[in-house]
Amino acid sequence: MITLAHLSDVHLAPLPPVRVRDLMNKRITGFINWKIKRERTLAGEGLTRLVRHMREQNPDFTVITGDLVNLALDAEYNTAHNWLETVGPPEEVAICPGNHDAYINGQLQKGLDRWNGYAAGETLDANAFPFVRRVGDVAIVSCNSAVPTLPWVAAGRFEQDQAHRLARCLKLLGDGGYFRVVLIHHPPNQEQAHPRLGLYGAKLFRKAIADSGAELILHGHTHQSSIYSIPGPSGDVPVIGVAAAGAAQGETGGHDPARYNLFSIQRLGSAWQCTLREFGFQRLSPDIVLRLSLRIY
């Protein structure tokens, strides 16, 4: 059995010192949003407790679906690297980037370089995404939907060339008998196709899944727990979002308090068994509790 933990939207707090020249771009809107809202709703101590609780479950592998930082400052990337080391070594942790990690032009590559082994794996060619990490019978396929955007826009993009590579990876891994887990920051369902927040190219992503198959898709971005599905070649593929790991325990802005998901995956004969357990804070309690246990396969 392989146990897989899923975190997302860490939004590490507090912000490092911000210089005026750092705000001469889209960051000014993010900084204002931080001061008005996020500074109150992102709680570093809650994140520390959540990660400690998660690590006590002894997961075999941990995935993080983006938004480790807030304004894509160089100092934030350093802080995020140090935080990743508290989650686990690169051999046991993989990430895909989120829109805040690519907040302005030229910054995402700095983050990926700083995070080094956490954002790398087997690839088909010289392109960094998707990359694959294999843990026993489980193959984690990390995609990139993070692109810099205009102020007040948090949309992602998934283009044709990455869709081709994803489909090929999934086909090869499916032929190899792996349980395929696809990571992407932005949700790929049509209901989330908001022009300011959604995923441009979601149809390409869904087609890759429909053509080549996957067993599980994990995302973040919405700061809410969710379960739905998209079509695969032989049935629906579960798509599961998790609440922001960096959210305050008493979050009341329409988002869920901080949570993480834990998947137990094993092969039973020619079939898969996968169980989801969701742990997290409650709005009216400081305790981390088991909120949901659900058999997926």
Protein backbone atom coordinates (compact mmCIF):
# COMPACT_ATOMS: atom_id res chain seq x y z
CA MET A 1 0.00 0.00 0.00
CA ILE A 2 1.17 3.53 -0.84
CA THR A 3 0.02 6.47 1.25
CA LEU A 4 -0.06 9.80 -0.58
CA ALA A 5 -0.58 13.15 1.18
CA HIS A 6 -1.90 16.22 -0.66
CA LEU A 7 -1.44 19.86 0.38
CA SER A 8 -2.07 23.01 -1.63
CA ASP A 9 -2.10 26.81 -1.50
CA VAL A 10 0.39 27.20 1.31
CA HIS A 11 0.81 30.99 0.84
CA LEU A 12 3.66 31.12 3.33
CA ALA A 13 3.29 33.90 5.88
CA PRO A 14 4.37 36.43 6.92
CA LEU A 15 5.65 38.36 3.93
CA PRO A 16 9.35 39.20 3.96
CA PRO A 17 10.32 42.90 3.89
CA VAL A 18 9.03 44.43 0.66
CA ARG A 19 10.91 47.26 -1.07
CA VAL A 20 9.08 49.99 -2.96
CA ARG A 21 10.79 48.97 -6.21
CA ASP A 22 9.42 45.43 -5.76
CA LEU A 23 5.90 46.87 -6.08
CA MET A 24 6.39 48.66 -9.40
CA ASN A 25 4.39 45.95 -11.21
CA LYS A 26 1.46 43.59 -10.56
CA ARG A 27 2.78 42.98 -7.05
CA ILE A 28 1.22 46.26 -5.88
CA THR A 29 -2.27 44.75 -6.22
CA GLY A 30 -1.19 41.57 -4.46
CA PHE A 31 0.40 43.58 -1.67
CA ILE A 32 -2.78 45.61 -1.18
CA ASN A 33 -4.82 42.40 -1.15
CA TRP A 34 -2.42 40.98 1.43
CA LYS A 35 -2.80 43.98 3.71
CA ILE A 36 -6.58 44.14 3.36
CA LYS A 37 -7.39 40.42 3.57
CA ARG A 38 -4.69 37.76 3.47
CA GLU A 39 -2.61 39.05 6.36
CA ARG A 40 -5.56 38.22 8.63
CA THR A 41 -6.55 34.93 7.04
CA LEU A 42 -3.17 33.24 6.58
CA ALA A 43 -1.88 31.71 9.77
CA GLY A 44 1.67 30.34 9.91
CA GLU A 45 1.14 28.51 13.20
CA GLY A 46 -1.89 26.71 11.78
CA LEU A 47 0.19 25.55 8.82
CA THR A 48 2.92 24.28 11.15
CA ARG A 49 0.37 22.27 13.13
CA LEU A 50 -1.24 20.92 9.95
CA VAL A 51 2.09 19.72 8.53
CA ARG A 52 3.07 18.18 11.87
CA HIS A 53 -0.24 16.30 11.97
CA MET A 54 0.24 15.16 8.37
CA ARG A 55 3.75 13.89 8.99
CA GLU A 56 2.49 11.89 11.98
CA GLN A 57 0.48 9.84 9.45
CA ASN A 58 3.82 8.74 7.89
CA PRO A 59 2.87 9.24 4.23
CA ASP A 60 5.09 7.53 1.68
CA PHE A 61 4.96 10.60 -0.53
CA THR A 62 3.59 14.17 -0.36
CA VAL A 63 2.38 16.34 -3.23
CA ILE A 64 1.79 20.10 -3.11
CA THR A 65 -0.31 21.65 -5.87
CA GLY A 66 1.06 25.17 -5.96
CA ASP A 67 0.94 28.65 -4.48
CA LEU A 68 3.75 28.18 -2.01
CA VAL A 69 4.37 31.95 -2.02
CA ASN A 70 2.37 35.16 -2.36
CA LEU A 71 4.16 37.81 -4.45
CA ALA A 72 6.96 35.72 -6.03
CA LEU A 73 9.69 37.64 -4.22
CA ASP A 74 13.17 36.11 -4.27
CA ALA A 75 13.13 35.95 -0.46
CA GLU A 76 9.82 34.07 -0.55
CA TYR A 77 11.35 31.38 -2.76
CA ASN A 78 14.10 30.90 -0.19
CA THR A 79 11.55 30.67 2.62
CA ALA A 80 9.51 28.17 0.61
CA HIS A 81 12.58 25.98 0.06
CA ASN A 82 13.27 25.94 3.79
CA TRP A 83 9.61 25.10 4.46
CA LEU A 84 9.68 22.26 1.92
CA GLU A 85 12.53 20.71 3.86
CA THR A 86 10.24 20.53 6.91
CA VAL A 87 7.70 18.60 4.82
CA GLY A 88 10.23 16.04 3.63
CA PRO A 89 13.27 15.48 1.42
CA PRO A 90 12.96 15.95 -2.36
CA GLU A 91 12.81 12.17 -2.81
CA GLU A 92 9.51 12.14 -0.90
CA VAL A 93 7.90 15.44 -1.98
CA ALA A 94 6.87 16.84 -5.37
CA ILE A 95 5.19 20.10 -6.31
CA CYS A 96 3.48 21.72 -9.25
CA PRO A 97 3.52 25.53 -9.40
CA GLY A 98 0.57 27.86 -8.85
CA ASN A 99 -0.26 31.30 -10.20
CA HIS A 100 1.25 33.07 -7.16
CA ASP A 101 4.52 31.24 -7.78
CA ALA A 102 4.57 32.81 -11.27
CA TYR A 103 3.20 36.18 -10.20
CA ILE A 104 5.25 38.35 -12.56
CA ASN A 105 7.31 37.71 -15.69
CA GLY A 106 10.58 35.89 -15.18
CA GLN A 107 10.05 34.83 -11.58
CA LEU A 108 8.71 31.29 -11.85
CA GLN A 109 11.98 29.87 -13.18
CA LYS A 110 13.78 31.38 -10.18
CA GLY A 111 11.41 29.52 -7.89
CA LEU A 112 11.77 26.24 -9.77
CA ASP A 113 15.55 26.58 -9.70
CA ARG A 114 15.53 27.29 -5.96
CA TRP A 115 13.19 24.39 -5.23
CA ASN A 116 15.39 22.14 -7.35
CA GLY A 117 14.56 18.46 -6.71
CA TYR A 118 11.08 19.23 -5.40
CA ALA A 119 9.98 20.37 -8.88
CA ALA A 120 11.74 17.80 -11.04
CA GLY A 121 11.45 14.21 -12.16
CA GLU A 122 11.45 12.02 -15.24
CA THR A 123 10.49 13.88 -18.43
CA LEU A 124 9.93 12.97 -22.06
CA ASP A 125 12.28 15.64 -23.39
CA ALA A 126 13.94 18.89 -22.38
CA ASN A 127 10.64 20.43 -21.22
CA ALA A 128 10.31 20.57 -17.45
CA PHE A 129 6.59 19.68 -17.39
CA PRO A 130 4.99 17.31 -17.05
CA PHE A 131 7.47 15.39 -14.95
CA VAL A 132 6.92 11.99 -13.39
CA ARG A 133 7.79 10.63 -9.95
CA ARG A 134 7.23 6.92 -9.33
CA VAL A 135 6.54 5.48 -5.87
CA GLY A 136 5.93 1.76 -6.01
CA ASP A 137 2.87 1.20 -8.22
CA VAL A 138 1.93 4.90 -8.08
CA ALA A 139 3.09 7.39 -10.71
CA ILE A 140 2.72 11.09 -9.96
CA VAL A 141 2.53 13.31 -13.04
CA SER A 142 3.10 17.01 -12.29
CA CYS A 143 1.77 19.58 -14.77
CA ASN A 144 2.25 23.34 -14.93
CA SER A 145 -0.69 25.74 -15.36
CA ALA A 146 1.09 28.72 -13.75
CA VAL A 147 1.69 31.80 -15.91
CA PRO A 148 2.12 35.49 -15.08
CA THR A 149 -1.11 37.44 -15.63
CA LEU A 150 -2.49 40.96 -15.48
CA PRO A 151 -3.46 42.56 -12.14
CA TRP A 152 -6.54 41.00 -10.50
CA VAL A 153 -6.27 37.97 -12.80
CA ALA A 154 -5.39 34.55 -11.34
CA ALA A 155 -6.11 32.37 -14.37
CA GLY A 156 -3.90 29.54 -15.53
CA ARG A 157 -2.91 28.25 -18.95
CA PHE A 158 -2.44 24.73 -20.32
CA GLU A 159 -1.29 24.63 -23.93
CA GLN A 160 -1.28 22.08 -26.72
CA ASP A 161 2.37 21.04 -26.46
CA GLN A 162 2.07 20.21 -22.76
CA ALA A 163 -1.22 18.40 -23.47
CA HIS A 164 0.56 16.17 -26.01
CA ARG A 165 3.32 15.38 -23.53
CA LEU A 166 0.79 14.66 -20.77
CA ALA A 167 -1.18 12.29 -22.99
CA ARG A 168 1.98 10.43 -23.96
CA CYS A 169 3.16 10.14 -20.34
CA LEU A 170 -0.23 8.82 -19.24
CA LYS A 171 -0.33 6.28 -22.06
CA LEU A 172 3.14 4.95 -21.23
CA LEU A 173 2.40 4.78 -17.52
CA GLY A 174 -0.98 3.17 -18.12
CA ASP A 175 0.64 0.52 -20.29
CA GLY A 176 3.07 -0.03 -17.42
CA GLY A 177 0.23 -0.71 -14.99
CA TYR A 178 0.72 2.33 -12.75
CA PHE A 179 -1.92 4.13 -10.68
CA ARG A 180 -1.61 7.55 -12.33
CA VAL A 181 -2.05 10.68 -10.18
CA VAL A 182 -2.03 13.97 -12.13
CA LEU A 183 -1.19 17.23 -10.36
CA ILE A 184 -2.31 20.64 -11.63
CA HIS A 185 -2.89 23.86 -9.73
CA HIS A 186 -6.00 25.14 -11.53
CA PRO A 187 -9.11 22.94 -11.54
CA PRO A 188 -9.83 21.47 -14.99
CA ASN A 189 -13.65 21.28 -14.75
CA GLN A 190 -15.89 23.41 -16.94
CA GLU A 191 -17.76 24.86 -13.96
CA GLN A 192 -14.58 26.67 -12.90
CA ALA A 193 -14.00 28.23 -16.34
CA HIS A 194 -14.05 31.78 -14.98
CA PRO A 195 -12.27 34.25 -17.32
CA ARG A 196 -10.36 35.81 -14.39
CA LEU A 197 -9.71 32.69 -12.31
CA GLY A 198 -10.09 29.59 -14.47
CA LEU A 199 -7.85 27.46 -16.64
CA TYR A 200 -7.37 28.46 -20.27
CA GLY A 201 -6.77 25.21 -22.10
CA ALA A 202 -8.83 23.11 -19.71
CA LYS A 203 -10.41 21.38 -22.72
CA LEU A 204 -6.94 20.28 -23.84
CA PHE A 205 -6.23 18.90 -20.37
CA ARG A 206 -9.54 17.05 -20.27
CA LYS A 207 -8.95 15.62 -23.75
CA ALA A 208 -5.57 14.25 -22.67
CA ILE A 209 -7.29 12.51 -19.75
CA ALA A 210 -10.15 11.29 -21.95
CA ASP A 211 -7.74 9.85 -24.52
CA SER A 212 -5.04 8.34 -22.31
CA GLY A 213 -6.65 7.92 -18.89
CA ALA A 214 -5.65 8.56 -15.29
CA GLU A 215 -6.79 7.23 -11.95
CA LEU A 216 -6.80 10.48 -9.94
CA ILE A 217 -6.42 14.23 -10.52
CA LEU A 218 -5.44 16.57 -7.67
CA HIS A 219 -5.62 20.38 -7.70
CA GLY A 220 -5.76 23.47 -5.51
CA HIS A 221 -6.44 27.14 -6.37
CA THR A 222 -10.04 27.39 -5.12
CA HIS A 223 -9.11 27.22 -1.41
CA GLN A 224 -12.03 24.82 -0.99
CA SER A 225 -12.43 21.07 -0.60
CA SER A 226 -14.16 19.51 -3.59
CA ILE A 227 -14.81 16.16 -5.29
CA TYR A 228 -16.07 15.74 -8.83
CA SER A 229 -14.98 13.90 -11.99
CA ILE A 230 -14.11 14.27 -15.66
CA PRO A 231 -14.43 11.65 -18.39
CA GLY A 232 -11.72 9.07 -18.97
CA PRO A 233 -11.45 6.39 -21.67
CA SER A 234 -13.14 3.74 -19.51
CA GLY A 235 -15.16 5.77 -17.00
CA ASP A 236 -15.06 8.89 -14.89
CA VAL A 237 -11.76 10.04 -13.34
CA PRO A 238 -12.03 11.53 -9.83
CA VAL A 239 -10.87 15.15 -9.49
CA ILE A 240 -10.18 16.25 -5.93
CA GLY A 241 -9.39 19.73 -4.64
CA VAL A 242 -8.16 20.52 -1.17
CA ALA A 243 -8.61 23.61 1.00
CA ALA A 244 -5.68 26.01 1.37
CA ALA A 245 -3.09 24.69 3.81
CA GLY A 246 -2.24 28.26 4.76
CA ALA A 247 -5.81 29.28 5.68
CA ALA A 248 -6.50 30.38 9.23
CA GLN A 249 -8.42 28.00 11.47
CA GLY A 250 -11.29 30.49 11.78
CA GLU A 251 -11.41 31.44 8.08
CA THR A 252 -14.77 33.09 7.34
CA GLY A 253 -14.24 34.58 3.88
CA GLY A 254 -16.13 31.84 2.09
CA HIS A 255 -13.15 29.48 2.02
CA ASP A 256 -12.60 26.34 4.06
CA PRO A 257 -10.18 26.22 7.03
CA ALA A 258 -6.82 24.57 6.41
CA ARG A 259 -6.93 20.89 5.46
CA TYR A 260 -4.94 18.11 3.82
CA ASN A 261 -5.94 14.88 2.09
CA LEU A 262 -4.46 11.45 2.63
CA PHE A 263 -4.90 8.72 0.02
CA SER A 264 -4.28 5.01 0.66
CA ILE A 265 -3.65 3.25 -2.65
CA GLN A 266 -3.13 -0.46 -3.30
CA ARG A 267 -3.62 -3.00 -6.05
CA LEU A 268 -6.06 -5.83 -5.37
CA GLY A 269 -5.61 -8.39 -8.13
CA SER A 270 -6.25 -6.53 -11.36
CA ALA A 271 -8.15 -3.68 -9.68
CA TRP A 272 -7.19 -0.65 -7.61
CA GLN A 273 -8.37 0.28 -4.16
CA CYS A 274 -8.08 3.93 -3.10
CA THR A 275 -9.45 5.54 0.05
CA LEU A 276 -9.48 9.26 0.77
CA ARG A 277 -9.26 10.67 4.28
CA GLU A 278 -9.52 14.43 4.78
CA PHE A 279 -8.01 15.99 7.91
CA GLY A 280 -8.23 19.60 8.95
CA PHE A 281 -9.41 22.37 11.20
CA GLN A 282 -13.03 23.14 11.98
CA ARG A 283 -14.40 26.67 11.98
CA LEU A 284 -15.32 26.49 15.67
CA SER A 285 -12.56 24.28 17.01
CA PRO A 286 -8.77 24.54 17.29
CA ASP A 287 -8.40 20.78 16.78
CA ILE A 288 -7.35 18.97 13.62
CA VAL A 289 -9.87 16.18 13.03
CA LEU A 290 -10.78 13.52 10.50
CA ARG A 291 -13.50 15.23 8.48
CA LEU A 292 -14.16 12.67 5.77
CA SER A 293 -13.36 9.08 4.87
CA LEU A 294 -14.38 7.98 1.39
CA ARG A 295 -13.70 4.94 -0.77
CA ILE A 296 -12.85 6.20 -4.27
CA TYR A 297 -12.01 2.83 -5.85
